[in-house]
Protein backbone atom coordinates (compact mmCIF):
# COMPACT_ATOMS: atom_id res chain seq x y z
CA MET A 1 0.00 0.00 0.00
CA LYS A 2 1.32 3.40 -0.96
CA GLN A 3 1.93 6.12 1.60
CA GLN A 4 -0.87 8.14 -0.02
CA ASP A 5 -3.34 5.28 0.57
CA ASN A 6 -2.18 4.97 4.19
CA LEU A 7 -2.66 8.70 4.67
CA ILE A 8 -6.17 8.68 3.21
CA GLU A 9 -7.11 5.66 5.33
CA THR A 10 -5.75 7.31 8.49
CA ILE A 11 -7.63 10.53 7.68
CA ILE A 12 -10.91 8.64 7.18
CA ASP A 13 -10.43 6.68 10.42
CA SER A 14 -9.67 9.93 12.27
CA ILE A 15 -12.88 11.48 10.96
CA LYS A 16 -14.92 8.45 11.99
CA ASP A 17 -13.31 8.48 15.47
CA LYS A 18 -14.90 11.90 16.08
CA LYS A 19 -18.23 10.97 14.46
CA GLY A 20 -17.75 12.98 11.29
CA ASN A 21 -20.19 12.00 8.56
CA ASN A 22 -20.91 12.18 4.83
CA ILE A 23 -17.28 11.43 4.02
CA VAL A 24 -16.40 11.75 0.35
CA CYS A 25 -13.05 11.06 -1.28
CA ALA A 26 -12.51 12.92 -4.55
CA ASP A 27 -9.81 11.66 -6.94
CA LEU A 28 -8.64 14.70 -8.90
CA THR A 29 -5.69 13.04 -10.68
CA GLU A 30 -7.44 13.06 -14.08
CA ILE A 31 -8.45 16.73 -13.85
CA GLU A 32 -6.18 19.01 -15.82
CA GLY A 33 -4.96 21.99 -13.85
CA SER A 34 -5.79 20.56 -10.44
CA SER A 35 -3.19 21.54 -7.87
CA VAL A 36 -3.93 18.49 -5.71
CA GLN A 37 -4.53 14.76 -6.26
CA ASN A 38 -7.24 14.10 -3.67
CA PHE A 39 -9.82 15.78 -1.49
CA VAL A 40 -11.26 14.16 1.59
CA ILE A 41 -14.44 15.98 2.58
CA CYS A 42 -16.59 15.47 5.65
CA SER A 43 -19.32 17.14 7.69
CA ALA A 44 -19.81 17.89 11.36
CA LYS A 45 -22.84 18.96 13.38
CA SER A 46 -21.19 21.81 15.34
CA THR A 47 -18.15 24.07 15.20
CA THR A 48 -16.81 22.22 18.25
CA GLN A 49 -16.99 18.95 16.32
CA VAL A 50 -15.34 20.55 13.25
CA THR A 51 -12.39 21.52 15.47
CA ALA A 52 -12.27 18.12 17.17
CA ILE A 53 -12.22 16.28 13.83
CA ALA A 54 -9.48 18.52 12.39
CA ASP A 55 -7.38 18.19 15.55
CA ASN A 56 -7.79 14.41 15.53
CA ILE A 57 -6.74 14.15 11.88
CA ARG A 58 -3.59 16.17 12.55
CA GLU A 59 -2.74 14.17 15.69
CA GLU A 60 -3.38 10.73 14.18
CA THR A 61 -1.46 11.37 10.95
CA GLN A 62 1.47 12.60 13.04
CA ASN A 63 1.32 9.70 15.53
CA ALA A 64 0.59 6.86 13.10
CA LEU A 65 2.49 7.96 9.99
CA MET A 66 4.85 10.72 11.20
CA ILE A 67 3.24 13.06 8.65
CA LYS A 68 2.53 16.68 9.49
CA PRO A 69 0.40 18.91 7.28
CA PHE A 70 2.04 21.68 5.28
CA GLY A 71 -0.60 24.00 6.65
CA TYR A 72 -4.17 24.39 7.79
CA ASP A 73 -6.70 27.18 8.01
CA GLY A 74 -10.20 27.85 9.27
CA TYR A 75 -9.84 27.48 13.02
CA GLN A 76 -10.90 31.12 13.48
CA ASN A 77 -14.60 30.28 13.10
CA SER A 78 -14.43 26.47 12.63
CA GLN A 79 -17.10 26.39 9.95
CA TRP A 80 -14.67 25.03 7.34
CA ILE A 81 -11.19 23.84 8.24
CA VAL A 82 -8.87 22.79 5.43
CA ILE A 83 -5.74 20.74 6.11
CA ASP A 84 -3.04 20.67 3.41
CA TYR A 85 -0.99 17.48 3.06
CA GLY A 86 0.49 18.56 -0.27
CA TYR A 87 -1.24 16.10 -2.59
CA ILE A 88 -4.28 15.69 -0.32
CA TYR A 89 -6.52 18.44 1.03
CA VAL A 90 -8.88 17.57 3.85
CA HIS A 91 -12.02 19.69 4.14
CA VAL A 92 -13.89 19.51 7.45
CA PHE A 93 -17.17 21.37 7.13
CA LEU A 94 -19.98 22.45 9.38
CA GLN A 95 -22.93 20.81 7.60
CA GLU A 96 -24.62 24.12 6.65
CA THR A 97 -21.34 25.52 5.31
CA ARG A 98 -20.78 22.42 3.19
CA GLU A 99 -24.26 22.72 1.73
CA TYR A 100 -23.59 26.38 0.90
CA TYR A 101 -20.24 25.87 -0.88
CA LYS A 102 -21.14 22.58 -2.61
CA LEU A 103 -17.50 21.60 -3.07
CA GLU A 104 -18.40 18.23 -4.62
CA GLN A 105 -20.43 19.99 -7.31
CA LEU A 106 -17.51 22.29 -8.12
CA TRP A 107 -15.38 19.18 -8.70
CA ASN A 108 -18.12 16.97 -10.14
CA ASP A 109 -15.84 15.73 -12.92
CA ALA A 110 -13.65 14.06 -10.26
CA LYS A 111 -14.10 10.44 -9.28
CA LEU A 112 -16.16 10.66 -6.08
CA VAL A 113 -16.31 7.83 -3.55
CA GLN A 114 -18.84 8.05 -0.71
CA ILE A 115 -17.67 6.40 2.53
CA PRO A 116 -20.59 4.85 4.45
CA ASN A 117 -21.55 6.59 7.68
CA GLU A 118 -21.08 4.65 10.89
CA ASP A 119 -24.16 4.93 13.08
């Protein structure tokens, strides 16, 4: 398994650990001009949960894989936190914010994979 696959798997597990939902992985490798290979997108029910998910992703990728993000932004209001791993961007959205920006529709020519919610 490639390091990229391990990173995506760790990110998804970290989201599920904090009860994030509606996880979508977008493969952007076939899209000309894309500055990134993958998006991992998820939703949260509160700004507190958005922060908890983002923190958990950063901690688990560091602990399990020794990978730190290049950067992150959005903690100011915690409605949309993006974490930059170079070739993977993780988008942790407050549900209403995700519905407003419709990121999946902007990238609808990407290969989208829905990860089942864990109830």
